[in-house]
Amino acid sequence: MDVTMEKGLVMTALTMALKARQPQKGLLHHSDRGSQYASTDYQKLLLDQQITCSMSRKGNCYDNAAMESFFATLKQELVYHRQYENRQQAKQDIFEYIEVWYNRKRRHSSIGYHPLAI
């Protein structure tokens, strides 16, 4: 989370995810057509990591339905019920929601009502 959505933000996020998860080569990375994802530097990072890039069709939110659903859930279950004093407070609360609740405890109907991290 940052003040703007520039390429540095998504490059840092991808680098953090790769270090944390250490996926096998050949990973498929899907995103929308935002300029930060289409940037030369971001595309080079994907290429260097042997990650296949997949982008949504122009103007088609259905191509990215899983992420759209996640962000709707995040807003409905957390963000709309809070008033944050500052960005750091929001970052900490959202981090805890995702890493402590959503991934480890919240049950997901699409996977037989199990948490993601079992």
PDB file of N, CA and C in Angstrom:
ATOM      1  N   MET A   1       0.852  -1.170   0.000  1.00  0.00           N
ATOM      2  CA  MET A   1       0.000   0.000   0.000  1.00  0.00           C
ATOM      3  C   MET A   1       0.896   1.229   0.000  1.00  0.00           C
ATOM      4  N   ASP A   2       0.578   2.172  -0.879  1.00  0.00           N
ATOM      5  CA  ASP A   2       1.377   3.379  -0.986  1.00  0.00           C
ATOM      6  C   ASP A   2       0.478   4.531  -1.403  1.00  0.00           C
ATOM      7  N   VAL A   3       1.039   5.702  -1.476  1.00  0.00           N
ATOM      8  CA  VAL A   3       0.287   6.892  -1.860  1.00  0.00           C
ATOM      9  C   VAL A   3      -0.150   6.806  -3.323  1.00  0.00           C
ATOM     10  N   THR A   4       0.693   6.239  -4.184  1.00  0.00           N
ATOM     11  CA  THR A   4       0.378   6.091  -5.597  1.00  0.00           C
ATOM     12  C   THR A   4       0.590   4.641  -6.024  1.00  0.00           C
ATOM     13  N   MET A   5       0.017   4.296  -7.168  1.00  0.00           N
ATOM     14  CA  MET A   5       0.171   2.936  -7.700  1.00  0.00           C
ATOM     15  C   MET A   5       1.153   2.968  -8.863  1.00  0.00           C
ATOM     16  N   GLU A   6       2.404   3.168  -8.558  1.00  0.00           N
ATOM     17  CA  GLU A   6       3.427   3.200  -9.588  1.00  0.00           C
ATOM     18  C   GLU A   6       4.147   1.862  -9.647  1.00  0.00           C
ATOM     19  N   LYS A   7       4.988   1.709 -10.659  1.00  0.00           N
ATOM     20  CA  LYS A   7       5.649   0.424 -10.881  1.00  0.00           C
ATOM     21  C   LYS A   7       6.483  -0.037  -9.692  1.00  0.00           C
ATOM     22  N   GLY A   8       7.086   0.884  -8.951  1.00  0.00           N
ATOM     23  CA  GLY A   8       7.894   0.494  -7.797  1.00  0.00           C
ATOM     24  C   GLY A   8       7.090  -0.263  -6.753  1.00  0.00           C
ATOM     25  N   LEU A   9       5.847   0.125  -6.579  1.00  0.00           N
ATOM     26  CA  LEU A   9       4.977  -0.545  -5.611  1.00  0.00           C
ATOM     27  C   LEU A   9       4.741  -1.995  -6.007  1.00  0.00           C
ATOM     28  N   VAL A  10       4.384  -2.241  -7.257  1.00  0.00           N
ATOM     29  CA  VAL A  10       4.098  -3.612  -7.668  1.00  0.00           C
ATOM     30  C   VAL A  10       5.372  -4.438  -7.800  1.00  0.00           C
ATOM     31  N   MET A  11       6.476  -3.790  -8.132  1.00  0.00           N
ATOM     32  CA  MET A  11       7.745  -4.523  -8.198  1.00  0.00           C
ATOM     33  C   MET A  11       8.173  -4.971  -6.809  1.00  0.00           C
ATOM     34  N   THR A  12       8.011  -4.099  -5.830  1.00  0.00           N
ATOM     35  CA  THR A  12       8.335  -4.462  -4.449  1.00  0.00           C
ATOM     36  C   THR A  12       7.415  -5.575  -3.955  1.00  0.00           C
ATOM     37  N   ALA A  13       6.132  -5.464  -4.263  1.00  0.00           N
ATOM     38  CA  ALA A  13       5.170  -6.488  -3.832  1.00  0.00           C
ATOM     39  C   ALA A  13       5.503  -7.846  -4.453  1.00  0.00           C
ATOM     40  N   LEU A  14       5.814  -7.859  -5.748  1.00  0.00           N
ATOM     41  CA  LEU A  14       6.156  -9.119  -6.404  1.00  0.00           C
ATOM     42  C   LEU A  14       7.433  -9.706  -5.815  1.00  0.00           C
ATOM     43  N   THR A  15       8.432  -8.876  -5.595  1.00  0.00           N
ATOM     44  CA  THR A  15       9.695  -9.353  -5.017  1.00  0.00           C
ATOM     45  C   THR A  15       9.465  -9.947  -3.627  1.00  0.00           C
ATOM     46  N   MET A  16       8.652  -9.282  -2.819  1.00  0.00           N
ATOM     47  CA  MET A  16       8.331  -9.808  -1.485  1.00  0.00           C
ATOM     48  C   MET A  16       7.615 -11.154  -1.583  1.00  0.00           C
ATOM     49  N   ALA A  17       6.649 -11.253  -2.500  1.00  0.00           N
ATOM     50  CA  ALA A  17       5.892 -12.495  -2.665  1.00  0.00           C
ATOM     51  C   ALA A  17       6.799 -13.637  -3.121  1.00  0.00           C
ATOM     52  N   LEU A  18       7.703 -13.343  -4.039  1.00  0.00           N
ATOM     53  CA  LEU A  18       8.618 -14.377  -4.529  1.00  0.00           C
ATOM     54  C   LEU A  18       9.534 -14.875  -3.417  1.00  0.00           C
ATOM     55  N   LYS A  19      10.028 -13.972  -2.587  1.00  0.00           N
ATOM     56  CA  LYS A  19      10.885 -14.378  -1.470  1.00  0.00           C
ATOM     57  C   LYS A  19      10.108 -15.200  -0.451  1.00  0.00           C
ATOM     58  N   ALA A  20       8.882 -14.800  -0.178  1.00  0.00           N
ATOM     59  CA  ALA A  20       8.081 -15.491   0.833  1.00  0.00           C
ATOM     60  C   ALA A  20       7.606 -16.862   0.362  1.00  0.00           C
ATOM     61  N   ARG A  21       7.197 -16.968  -0.898  1.00  0.00           N
ATOM     62  CA  ARG A  21       6.581 -18.203  -1.389  1.00  0.00           C
ATOM     63  C   ARG A  21       7.532 -19.106  -2.164  1.00  0.00           C
ATOM     64  N   GLN A  22       8.571 -18.541  -2.770  1.00  0.00           N
ATOM     65  CA  GLN A  22       9.550 -19.283  -3.553  1.00  0.00           C
ATOM     66  C   GLN A  22       8.894 -20.261  -4.528  1.00  0.00           C
ATOM     67  N   PRO A  23       8.096 -19.739  -5.466  1.00  0.00           N
ATOM     68  CA  PRO A  23       7.398 -20.622  -6.407  1.00  0.00           C
ATOM     69  C   PRO A  23       8.351 -21.267  -7.403  1.00  0.00           C
ATOM     70  N   GLN A  24       7.892 -22.350  -7.990  1.00  0.00           N
ATOM     71  CA  GLN A  24       8.664 -23.015  -9.033  1.00  0.00           C
ATOM     72  C   GLN A  24       8.679 -22.136 -10.276  1.00  0.00           C
ATOM     73  N   LYS A  25       9.654 -22.361 -11.118  1.00  0.00           N
ATOM     74  CA  LYS A  25       9.727 -21.637 -12.386  1.00  0.00           C
ATOM     75  C   LYS A  25       8.488 -21.969 -13.213  1.00  0.00           C
ATOM     76  N   GLY A  26       8.107 -21.026 -14.069  1.00  0.00           N
ATOM     77  CA  GLY A  26       6.946 -21.245 -14.919  1.00  0.00           C
ATOM     78  C   GLY A  26       5.644 -20.712 -14.335  1.00  0.00           C
ATOM     79  N   LEU A  27       5.747 -19.917 -13.290  1.00  0.00           N
ATOM     80  CA  LEU A  27       4.567 -19.329 -12.665  1.00  0.00           C
ATOM     81  C   LEU A  27       3.820 -18.449 -13.666  1.00  0.00           C
ATOM     82  N   LEU A  28       2.497 -18.479 -13.627  1.00  0.00           N
ATOM     83  CA  LEU A  28       1.659 -17.615 -14.449  1.00  0.00           C
ATOM     84  C   LEU A  28       1.202 -16.447 -13.592  1.00  0.00           C
ATOM     85  N   HIS A  29       1.501 -15.236 -14.016  1.00  0.00           N
ATOM     86  CA  HIS A  29       1.146 -14.014 -13.283  1.00  0.00           C
ATOM     87  C   HIS A  29       0.055 -13.285 -14.049  1.00  0.00           C
ATOM     88  N   HIS A  30      -1.117 -13.154 -13.439  1.00  0.00           N
ATOM     89  CA  HIS A  30      -2.225 -12.469 -14.101  1.00  0.00           C
ATOM     90  C   HIS A  30      -2.459 -11.114 -13.456  1.00  0.00           C
ATOM     91  N   SER A  31      -2.656 -10.104 -14.274  1.00  0.00           N
ATOM     92  CA  SER A  31      -2.937  -8.759 -13.780  1.00  0.00           C
ATOM     93  C   SER A  31      -3.873  -8.047 -14.740  1.00  0.00           C
ATOM     94  N   ASP A  32      -4.301  -6.858 -14.329  1.00  0.00           N
ATOM     95  CA  ASP A  32      -5.035  -6.023 -15.270  1.00  0.00           C
ATOM     96  C   ASP A  32      -4.017  -5.309 -16.160  1.00  0.00           C
ATOM     97  N   ARG A  33      -4.466  -4.366 -16.960  1.00  0.00           N
ATOM     98  CA  ARG A  33      -3.586  -3.699 -17.907  1.00  0.00           C
ATOM     99  C   ARG A  33      -3.031  -2.382 -17.370  1.00  0.00           C
ATOM    100  N   GLY A  34      -2.954  -2.252 -16.061  1.00  0.00           N
ATOM    101  CA  GLY A  34      -2.427  -1.028 -15.469  1.00  0.00           C
ATOM    102  C   GLY A  34      -1.019  -0.731 -15.955  1.00  0.00           C
ATOM    103  N   SER A  35      -0.709   0.559 -16.051  1.00  0.00           N
ATOM    104  CA  SER A  35       0.603   0.962 -16.581  1.00  0.00           C
ATOM    105  C   SER A  35       1.749   0.422 -15.728  1.00  0.00           C
ATOM    106  N   GLN A  36       1.529   0.257 -14.426  1.00  0.00           N
ATOM    107  CA  GLN A  36       2.592  -0.274 -13.579  1.00  0.00           C
ATOM    108  C   GLN A  36       2.930  -1.722 -13.942  1.00  0.00           C
ATOM    109  N   TYR A  37       1.924  -2.514 -14.337  1.00  0.00           N
ATOM    110  CA  TYR A  37       2.162  -3.905 -14.738  1.00  0.00           C
ATOM    111  C   TYR A  37       2.726  -4.003 -16.159  1.00  0.00           C
ATOM    112  N   ALA A  38       2.371  -3.044 -16.992  1.00  0.00           N
ATOM    113  CA  ALA A  38       2.839  -3.049 -18.381  1.00  0.00           C
ATOM    114  C   ALA A  38       4.204  -2.384 -18.539  1.00  0.00           C
ATOM    115  N   SER A  39       4.719  -1.771 -17.483  1.00  0.00           N
ATOM    116  CA  SER A  39       5.991  -1.052 -17.580  1.00  0.00           C
ATOM    117  C   SER A  39       7.126  -1.991 -17.986  1.00  0.00           C
ATOM    118  N   THR A  40       8.097  -1.437 -18.660  1.00  0.00           N
ATOM    119  CA  THR A  40       9.257  -2.204 -19.108  1.00  0.00           C
ATOM    120  C   THR A  40       9.967  -2.853 -17.923  1.00  0.00           C
ATOM    121  N   ASP A  41      10.136  -2.119 -16.828  1.00  0.00           N
ATOM    122  CA  ASP A  41      10.849  -2.658 -15.669  1.00  0.00           C
ATOM    123  C   ASP A  41      10.101  -3.829 -15.035  1.00  0.00           C
ATOM    124  N   TYR A  42       8.794  -3.716 -14.931  1.00  0.00           N
ATOM    125  CA  TYR A  42       8.012  -4.807 -14.334  1.00  0.00           C
ATOM    126  C   TYR A  42       8.029  -6.036 -15.236  1.00  0.00           C
ATOM    127  N   GLN A  43       7.868  -5.806 -16.536  1.00  0.00           N
ATOM    128  CA  GLN A  43       7.903  -6.918 -17.477  1.00  0.00           C
ATOM    129  C   GLN A  43       9.267  -7.602 -17.476  1.00  0.00           C
ATOM    130  N   LYS A  44      10.344  -6.830 -17.307  1.00  0.00           N
ATOM    131  CA  LYS A  44      11.686  -7.402 -17.219  1.00  0.00           C
ATOM    132  C   LYS A  44      11.826  -8.246 -15.954  1.00  0.00           C
ATOM    133  N   LEU A  45      11.260  -7.769 -14.844  1.00  0.00           N
ATOM    134  CA  LEU A  45      11.299  -8.534 -13.601  1.00  0.00           C
ATOM    135  C   LEU A  45      10.593  -9.880 -13.783  1.00  0.00           C
ATOM    136  N   LEU A  46       9.434  -9.873 -14.422  1.00  0.00           N
ATOM    137  CA  LEU A  46       8.732 -11.133 -14.692  1.00  0.00           C
ATOM    138  C   LEU A  46       9.595 -12.053 -15.562  1.00  0.00           C
ATOM    139  N   LEU A  47      10.152 -11.513 -16.614  1.00  0.00           N
ATOM    140  CA  LEU A  47      10.991 -12.292 -17.524  1.00  0.00           C
ATOM    141  C   LEU A  47      12.208 -12.864 -16.799  1.00  0.00           C
ATOM    142  N   ASP A  48      12.874 -12.029 -15.999  1.00  0.00           N
ATOM    143  CA  ASP A  48      14.057 -12.471 -15.252  1.00  0.00           C
ATOM    144  C   ASP A  48      13.730 -13.615 -14.299  1.00  0.00           C
ATOM    145  N   GLN A  49      12.522 -13.618 -13.777  1.00  0.00           N
ATOM    146  CA  GLN A  49      12.099 -14.660 -12.836  1.00  0.00           C
ATOM    147  C   GLN A  49      11.426 -15.843 -13.533  1.00  0.00           C
ATOM    148  N   GLN A  50      11.422 -15.810 -14.858  1.00  0.00           N
ATOM    149  CA  GLN A  50      10.792 -16.858 -15.681  1.00  0.00           C
ATOM    150  C   GLN A  50       9.315 -17.006 -15.336  1.00  0.00           C
ATOM    151  N   ILE A  51       8.650 -15.863 -15.177  1.00  0.00           N
ATOM    152  CA  ILE A  51       7.225 -15.827 -14.883  1.00  0.00           C
ATOM    153  C   ILE A  51       6.493 -15.431 -16.158  1.00  0.00           C
ATOM    154  N   THR A  52       5.474 -16.189 -16.521  1.00  0.00           N
ATOM    155  CA  THR A  52       4.672 -15.894 -17.697  1.00  0.00           C
ATOM    156  C   THR A  52       3.640 -14.828 -17.360  1.00  0.00           C
ATOM    157  N   CYS A  53       3.594 -13.788 -18.156  1.00  0.00           N
ATOM    158  CA  CYS A  53       2.680 -12.677 -17.941  1.00  0.00           C
ATOM    159  C   CYS A  53       1.348 -12.940 -18.641  1.00  0.00           C
ATOM    160  N   SER A  54       0.266 -12.719 -17.926  1.00  0.00           N
ATOM    161  CA  SER A  54      -1.083 -12.802 -18.485  1.00  0.00           C
ATOM    162  C   SER A  54      -1.808 -11.529 -18.082  1.00  0.00           C
ATOM    163  N   MET A  55      -2.401 -10.846 -19.041  1.00  0.00           N
ATOM    164  CA  MET A  55      -3.134  -9.613 -18.731  1.00  0.00           C
ATOM    165  C   MET A  55      -4.580  -9.734 -19.178  1.00  0.00           C
ATOM    166  N   SER A  56      -5.453  -9.088 -18.421  1.00  0.00           N
ATOM    167  CA  SER A  56      -6.867  -9.042 -18.761  1.00  0.00           C
ATOM    168  C   SER A  56      -7.074  -8.370 -20.110  1.00  0.00           C
ATOM    169  N   ARG A  57      -8.175  -8.725 -20.734  1.00  0.00           N
ATOM    170  CA  ARG A  57      -8.546  -8.014 -21.954  1.00  0.00           C
ATOM    171  C   ARG A  57      -8.941  -6.588 -21.577  1.00  0.00           C
ATOM    172  N   LYS A  58      -8.740  -5.669 -22.469  1.00  0.00           N
ATOM    173  CA  LYS A  58      -9.039  -4.267 -22.217  1.00  0.00           C
ATOM    174  C   LYS A  58     -10.499  -4.091 -21.795  1.00  0.00           C
ATOM    175  N   GLY A  59     -10.696  -3.461 -20.632  1.00  0.00           N
ATOM    176  CA  GLY A  59     -12.033  -3.129 -20.158  1.00  0.00           C
ATOM    177  C   GLY A  59     -12.861  -4.309 -19.700  1.00  0.00           C
ATOM    178  N   ASN A  60     -12.247  -5.475 -19.441  1.00  0.00           N
ATOM    179  CA  ASN A  60     -13.011  -6.655 -19.057  1.00  0.00           C
ATOM    180  C   ASN A  60     -12.656  -7.072 -17.628  1.00  0.00           C
ATOM    181  N   CYS A  61     -13.435  -6.616 -16.665  1.00  0.00           N
ATOM    182  CA  CYS A  61     -13.148  -6.930 -15.256  1.00  0.00           C
ATOM    183  C   CYS A  61     -13.347  -8.407 -14.952  1.00  0.00           C
ATOM    184  N   TYR A  62     -14.101  -9.118 -15.791  1.00  0.00           N
ATOM    185  CA  TYR A  62     -14.364 -10.536 -15.541  1.00  0.00           C
ATOM    186  C   TYR A  62     -13.109 -11.387 -15.679  1.00  0.00           C
ATOM    187  N   ASP A  63     -12.122 -10.910 -16.427  1.00  0.00           N
ATOM    188  CA  ASP A  63     -10.866 -11.648 -16.572  1.00  0.00           C
ATOM    189  C   ASP A  63     -10.116 -11.732 -15.246  1.00  0.00           C
ATOM    190  N   ASN A  64     -10.366 -10.805 -14.362  1.00  0.00           N
ATOM    191  CA  ASN A  64      -9.663 -10.742 -13.090  1.00  0.00           C
ATOM    192  C   ASN A  64     -10.658 -10.928 -11.930  1.00  0.00           C
ATOM    193  N   ALA A  65     -11.657 -11.762 -12.168  1.00  0.00           N
ATOM    194  CA  ALA A  65     -12.764 -11.911 -11.219  1.00  0.00           C
ATOM    195  C   ALA A  65     -12.323 -12.362  -9.828  1.00  0.00           C
ATOM    196  N   ALA A  66     -11.336 -13.226  -9.750  1.00  0.00           N
ATOM    197  CA  ALA A  66     -10.908 -13.710  -8.424  1.00  0.00           C
ATOM    198  C   ALA A  66     -10.385 -12.561  -7.560  1.00  0.00           C
ATOM    199  N   MET A  67      -9.568 -11.687  -8.148  1.00  0.00           N
ATOM    200  CA  MET A  67      -9.042 -10.551  -7.375  1.00  0.00           C
ATOM    201  C   MET A  67     -10.121  -9.520  -7.095  1.00  0.00           C
ATOM    202  N   GLU A  68     -11.012  -9.303  -8.062  1.00  0.00           N
ATOM    203  CA  GLU A  68     -12.118  -8.371  -7.832  1.00  0.00           C
ATOM    204  C   GLU A  68     -12.960  -8.863  -6.656  1.00  0.00           C
ATOM    205  N   SER A  69     -13.197 -10.164  -6.594  1.00  0.00           N
ATOM    206  CA  SER A  69     -13.959 -10.758  -5.495  1.00  0.00           C
ATOM    207  C   SER A  69     -13.230 -10.597  -4.163  1.00  0.00           C
ATOM    208  N   PHE A  70     -11.914 -10.839  -4.174  1.00  0.00           N
ATOM    209  CA  PHE A  70     -11.136 -10.680  -2.944  1.00  0.00           C
ATOM    210  C   PHE A  70     -11.225  -9.250  -2.417  1.00  0.00           C
ATOM    211  N   PHE A  71     -11.029  -8.264  -3.289  1.00  0.00           N
ATOM    212  CA  PHE A  71     -11.061  -6.874  -2.832  1.00  0.00           C
ATOM    213  C   PHE A  71     -12.453  -6.478  -2.356  1.00  0.00           C
ATOM    214  N   ALA A  72     -13.496  -7.014  -2.971  1.00  0.00           N
ATOM    215  CA  ALA A  72     -14.857  -6.751  -2.489  1.00  0.00           C
ATOM    216  C   ALA A  72     -15.033  -7.329  -1.082  1.00  0.00           C
ATOM    217  N   THR A  73     -14.516  -8.538  -0.859  1.00  0.00           N
ATOM    218  CA  THR A  73     -14.595  -9.166   0.458  1.00  0.00           C
ATOM    219  C   THR A  73     -13.799  -8.365   1.487  1.00  0.00           C
ATOM    220  N   LEU A  74     -12.602  -7.964   1.140  1.00  0.00           N
ATOM    221  CA  LEU A  74     -11.766  -7.154   2.036  1.00  0.00           C
ATOM    222  C   LEU A  74     -12.512  -5.887   2.469  1.00  0.00           C
ATOM    223  N   LYS A  75     -13.122  -5.223   1.525  1.00  0.00           N
ATOM    224  CA  LYS A  75     -13.853  -3.984   1.837  1.00  0.00           C
ATOM    225  C   LYS A  75     -15.070  -4.266   2.707  1.00  0.00           C
ATOM    226  N   GLN A  76     -15.855  -5.293   2.338  1.00  0.00           N
ATOM    227  CA  GLN A  76     -17.079  -5.594   3.087  1.00  0.00           C
ATOM    228  C   GLN A  76     -16.794  -6.104   4.502  1.00  0.00           C
ATOM    229  N   GLU A  77     -15.768  -6.930   4.652  1.00  0.00           N
ATOM    230  CA  GLU A  77     -15.481  -7.537   5.955  1.00  0.00           C
ATOM    231  C   GLU A  77     -14.618  -6.668   6.857  1.00  0.00           C
ATOM    232  N   LEU A  78     -13.866  -5.721   6.286  1.00  0.00           N
ATOM    233  CA  LEU A  78     -12.940  -4.952   7.115  1.00  0.00           C
ATOM    234  C   LEU A  78     -13.018  -3.448   6.881  1.00  0.00           C
ATOM    235  N   VAL A  79     -12.628  -3.004   5.715  1.00  0.00           N
ATOM    236  CA  VAL A  79     -12.372  -1.581   5.466  1.00  0.00           C
ATOM    237  C   VAL A  79     -13.587  -0.699   5.716  1.00  0.00           C
ATOM    238  N   TYR A  80     -14.769  -1.136   5.283  1.00  0.00           N
ATOM    239  CA  TYR A  80     -15.960  -0.300   5.456  1.00  0.00           C
ATOM    240  C   TYR A  80     -16.391  -0.171   6.923  1.00  0.00           C
ATOM    241  N   HIS A  81     -15.808  -0.979   7.786  1.00  0.00           N
ATOM    242  CA  HIS A  81     -16.148  -0.946   9.211  1.00  0.00           C
ATOM    243  C   HIS A  81     -15.109  -0.211  10.055  1.00  0.00           C
ATOM    244  N   ARG A  82     -14.121   0.381   9.415  1.00  0.00           N
ATOM    245  CA  ARG A  82     -13.030   1.044  10.128  1.00  0.00           C
ATOM    246  C   ARG A  82     -12.888   2.493   9.691  1.00  0.00           C
ATOM    247  N   GLN A  83     -12.322   3.276  10.578  1.00  0.00           N
ATOM    248  CA  GLN A  83     -11.871   4.622  10.236  1.00  0.00           C
ATOM    249  C   GLN A  83     -10.429   4.707  10.694  1.00  0.00           C
ATOM    250  N   TYR A  84      -9.530   4.839   9.737  1.00  0.00           N
ATOM    251  CA  TYR A  84      -8.111   4.831  10.038  1.00  0.00           C
ATOM    252  C   TYR A  84      -7.609   6.249  10.264  1.00  0.00           C
ATOM    253  N   GLU A  85      -6.733   6.393  11.243  1.00  0.00           N
ATOM    254  CA  GLU A  85      -6.128   7.684  11.551  1.00  0.00           C
ATOM    255  C   GLU A  85      -5.040   8.052  10.538  1.00  0.00           C
ATOM    256  N   ASN A  86      -4.379   7.015  10.003  1.00  0.00           N
ATOM    257  CA  ASN A  86      -3.286   7.258   9.062  1.00  0.00           C
ATOM    258  C   ASN A  86      -3.044   6.010   8.213  1.00  0.00           C
ATOM    259  N   ARG A  87      -2.205   6.167   7.209  1.00  0.00           N
ATOM    260  CA  ARG A  87      -1.915   5.074   6.282  1.00  0.00           C
ATOM    261  C   ARG A  87      -1.264   3.877   6.995  1.00  0.00           C
ATOM    262  N   GLN A  88      -0.372   4.141   7.943  1.00  0.00           N
ATOM    263  CA  GLN A  88       0.296   3.051   8.649  1.00  0.00           C
ATOM    264  C   GLN A  88      -0.704   2.190   9.425  1.00  0.00           C
ATOM    265  N   GLN A  89      -1.669   2.810  10.037  1.00  0.00           N
ATOM    266  CA  GLN A  89      -2.701   2.075  10.771  1.00  0.00           C
ATOM    267  C   GLN A  89      -3.510   1.195   9.802  1.00  0.00           C
ATOM    268  N   ALA A  90      -3.845   1.745   8.654  1.00  0.00           N
ATOM    269  CA  ALA A  90      -4.583   0.976   7.642  1.00  0.00           C
ATOM    270  C   ALA A  90      -3.738  -0.198   7.139  1.00  0.00           C
ATOM    271  N   LYS A  91      -2.461   0.052   6.855  1.00  0.00           N
ATOM    272  CA  LYS A  91      -1.569  -1.008   6.377  1.00  0.00           C
ATOM    273  C   LYS A  91      -1.488  -2.147   7.385  1.00  0.00           C
ATOM    274  N   GLN A  92      -1.336  -1.823   8.655  1.00  0.00           N
ATOM    275  CA  GLN A  92      -1.224  -2.847   9.690  1.00  0.00           C
ATOM    276  C   GLN A  92      -2.514  -3.651   9.821  1.00  0.00           C
ATOM    277  N   ASP A  93      -3.642  -2.971   9.801  1.00  0.00           N
ATOM    278  CA  ASP A  93      -4.929  -3.646   9.943  1.00  0.00           C
ATOM    279  C   ASP A  93      -5.204  -4.562   8.744  1.00  0.00           C
ATOM    280  N   ILE A  94      -4.925  -4.087   7.555  1.00  0.00           N
ATOM    281  CA  ILE A  94      -5.151  -4.885   6.352  1.00  0.00           C
ATOM    282  C   ILE A  94      -4.178  -6.058   6.296  1.00  0.00           C
ATOM    283  N   PHE A  95      -2.932  -5.841   6.686  1.00  0.00           N
ATOM    284  CA  PHE A  95      -1.953  -6.930   6.754  1.00  0.00           C
ATOM    285  C   PHE A  95      -2.458  -8.030   7.689  1.00  0.00           C
ATOM    286  N   GLU A  96      -2.904  -7.643   8.881  1.00  0.00           N
ATOM    287  CA  GLU A  96      -3.395  -8.636   9.850  1.00  0.00           C
ATOM    288  C   GLU A  96      -4.628  -9.366   9.317  1.00  0.00           C
ATOM    289  N   TYR A  97      -5.522  -8.643   8.655  1.00  0.00           N
ATOM    290  CA  TYR A  97      -6.710  -9.279   8.082  1.00  0.00           C
ATOM    291  C   TYR A  97      -6.299 -10.346   7.074  1.00  0.00           C
ATOM    292  N   ILE A  98      -5.380 -10.001   6.169  1.00  0.00           N
ATOM    293  CA  ILE A  98      -4.987 -10.945   5.120  1.00  0.00           C
ATOM    294  C   ILE A  98      -4.157 -12.092   5.677  1.00  0.00           C
ATOM    295  N   GLU A  99      -3.087 -11.764   6.396  1.00  0.00           N
ATOM    296  CA  GLU A  99      -2.130 -12.791   6.832  1.00  0.00           C
ATOM    297  C   GLU A  99      -2.609 -13.623   8.025  1.00  0.00           C
ATOM    298  N   VAL A 100      -3.349 -13.031   8.936  1.00  0.00           N
ATOM    299  CA  VAL A 100      -3.778 -13.761  10.135  1.00  0.00           C
ATOM    300  C   VAL A 100      -5.176 -14.347   9.958  1.00  0.00           C
ATOM    301  N   TRP A 101      -6.098 -13.584   9.408  1.00  0.00           N
ATOM    302  CA  TRP A 101      -7.491 -14.043   9.303  1.00  0.00           C
ATOM    303  C   TRP A 101      -7.799 -14.694   7.951  1.00  0.00           C
ATOM    304  N   TYR A 102      -7.685 -13.942   6.870  1.00  0.00           N
ATOM    305  CA  TYR A 102      -8.152 -14.406   5.568  1.00  0.00           C
ATOM    306  C   TYR A 102      -7.429 -15.671   5.103  1.00  0.00           C
ATOM    307  N   ASN A 103      -6.116 -15.699   5.174  1.00  0.00           N
ATOM    308  CA  ASN A 103      -5.346 -16.843   4.674  1.00  0.00           C
ATOM    309  C   ASN A 103      -5.341 -18.043   5.620  1.00  0.00           C
ATOM    310  N   ARG A 104      -5.416 -17.816   6.925  1.00  0.00           N
ATOM    311  CA  ARG A 104      -5.203 -18.912   7.879  1.00  0.00           C
ATOM    312  C   ARG A 104      -6.454 -19.413   8.587  1.00  0.00           C
ATOM    313  N   LYS A 105      -7.462 -18.562   8.738  1.00  0.00           N
ATOM    314  CA  LYS A 105      -8.631 -18.965   9.527  1.00  0.00           C
ATOM    315  C   LYS A 105      -9.949 -18.898   8.774  1.00  0.00           C
ATOM    316  N   ARG A 106     -10.136 -17.890   7.941  1.00  0.00           N
ATOM    317  CA  ARG A 106     -11.412 -17.702   7.249  1.00  0.00           C
ATOM    318  C   ARG A 106     -11.674 -18.892   6.336  1.00  0.00           C
ATOM    319  N   ARG A 107     -12.880 -19.401   6.384  1.00  0.00           N
ATOM    320  CA  ARG A 107     -13.250 -20.534   5.540  1.00  0.00           C
ATOM    321  C   ARG A 107     -13.719 -20.023   4.179  1.00  0.00           C
ATOM    322  N   HIS A 108     -13.314 -20.746   3.131  1.00  0.00           N
ATOM    323  CA  HIS A 108     -13.598 -20.326   1.761  1.00  0.00           C
ATOM    324  C   HIS A 108     -14.464 -21.378   1.072  1.00  0.00           C
ATOM    325  N   SER A 109     -15.630 -20.963   0.612  1.00  0.00           N
ATOM    326  CA  SER A 109     -16.569 -21.905   0.004  1.00  0.00           C
ATOM    327  C   SER A 109     -15.986 -22.578  -1.243  1.00  0.00           C
ATOM    328  N   SER A 110     -15.139 -21.863  -1.984  1.00  0.00           N
ATOM    329  CA  SER A 110     -14.594 -22.420  -3.229  1.00  0.00           C
ATOM    330  C   SER A 110     -13.631 -23.577  -3.008  1.00  0.00           C
ATOM    331  N   ILE A 111     -13.181 -23.767  -1.786  1.00  0.00           N
ATOM    332  CA  ILE A 111     -12.261 -24.882  -1.476  1.00  0.00           C
ATOM    333  C   ILE A 111     -12.820 -25.738  -0.341  1.00  0.00           C
ATOM    334  N   GLY A 112     -14.132 -25.948  -0.382  1.00  0.00           N
ATOM    335  CA  GLY A 112     -14.767 -26.867   0.581  1.00  0.00           C
ATOM    336  C   GLY A 112     -14.827 -26.333   1.995  1.00  0.00           C
ATOM    337  N   TYR A 113     -14.934 -25.034   2.141  1.00  0.00           N
ATOM    338  CA  TYR A 113     -15.032 -24.369   3.453  1.00  0.00           C
ATOM    339  C   TYR A 113     -13.824 -24.630   4.346  1.00  0.00           C
ATOM    340  N   HIS A 114     -12.651 -24.639   3.714  1.00  0.00           N
ATOM    341  CA  HIS A 114     -11.382 -24.741   4.437  1.00  0.00           C
ATOM    342  C   HIS A 114     -10.677 -23.384   4.355  1.00  0.00           C
ATOM    343  N   PRO A 115      -9.781 -23.109   5.307  1.00  0.00           N
ATOM    344  CA  PRO A 115      -8.939 -21.903   5.154  1.00  0.00           C
ATOM    345  C   PRO A 115      -7.929 -22.141   4.031  1.00  0.00           C
ATOM    346  N   LEU A 116      -7.363 -21.079   3.497  1.00  0.00           N
ATOM    347  CA  LEU A 116      -6.388 -21.207   2.406  1.00  0.00           C
ATOM    348  C   LEU A 116      -5.134 -21.926   2.863  1.00  0.00           C
ATOM    349  N   ALA A 117      -4.648 -21.615   4.061  1.00  0.00           N
ATOM    350  CA  ALA A 117      -3.399 -22.201   4.570  1.00  0.00           C
ATOM    351  C   ALA A 117      -3.738 -23.340   5.521  1.00  0.00           C
ATOM    352  N   ILE A 118      -3.820 -24.549   4.979  1.00  0.00           N
ATOM    353  CA  ILE A 118      -4.114 -25.716   5.820  1.00  0.00           C
ATOM    354  C   ILE A 118      -2.942 -26.650   5.847  1.00  0.00           C
TER     355      ILE A 118
END
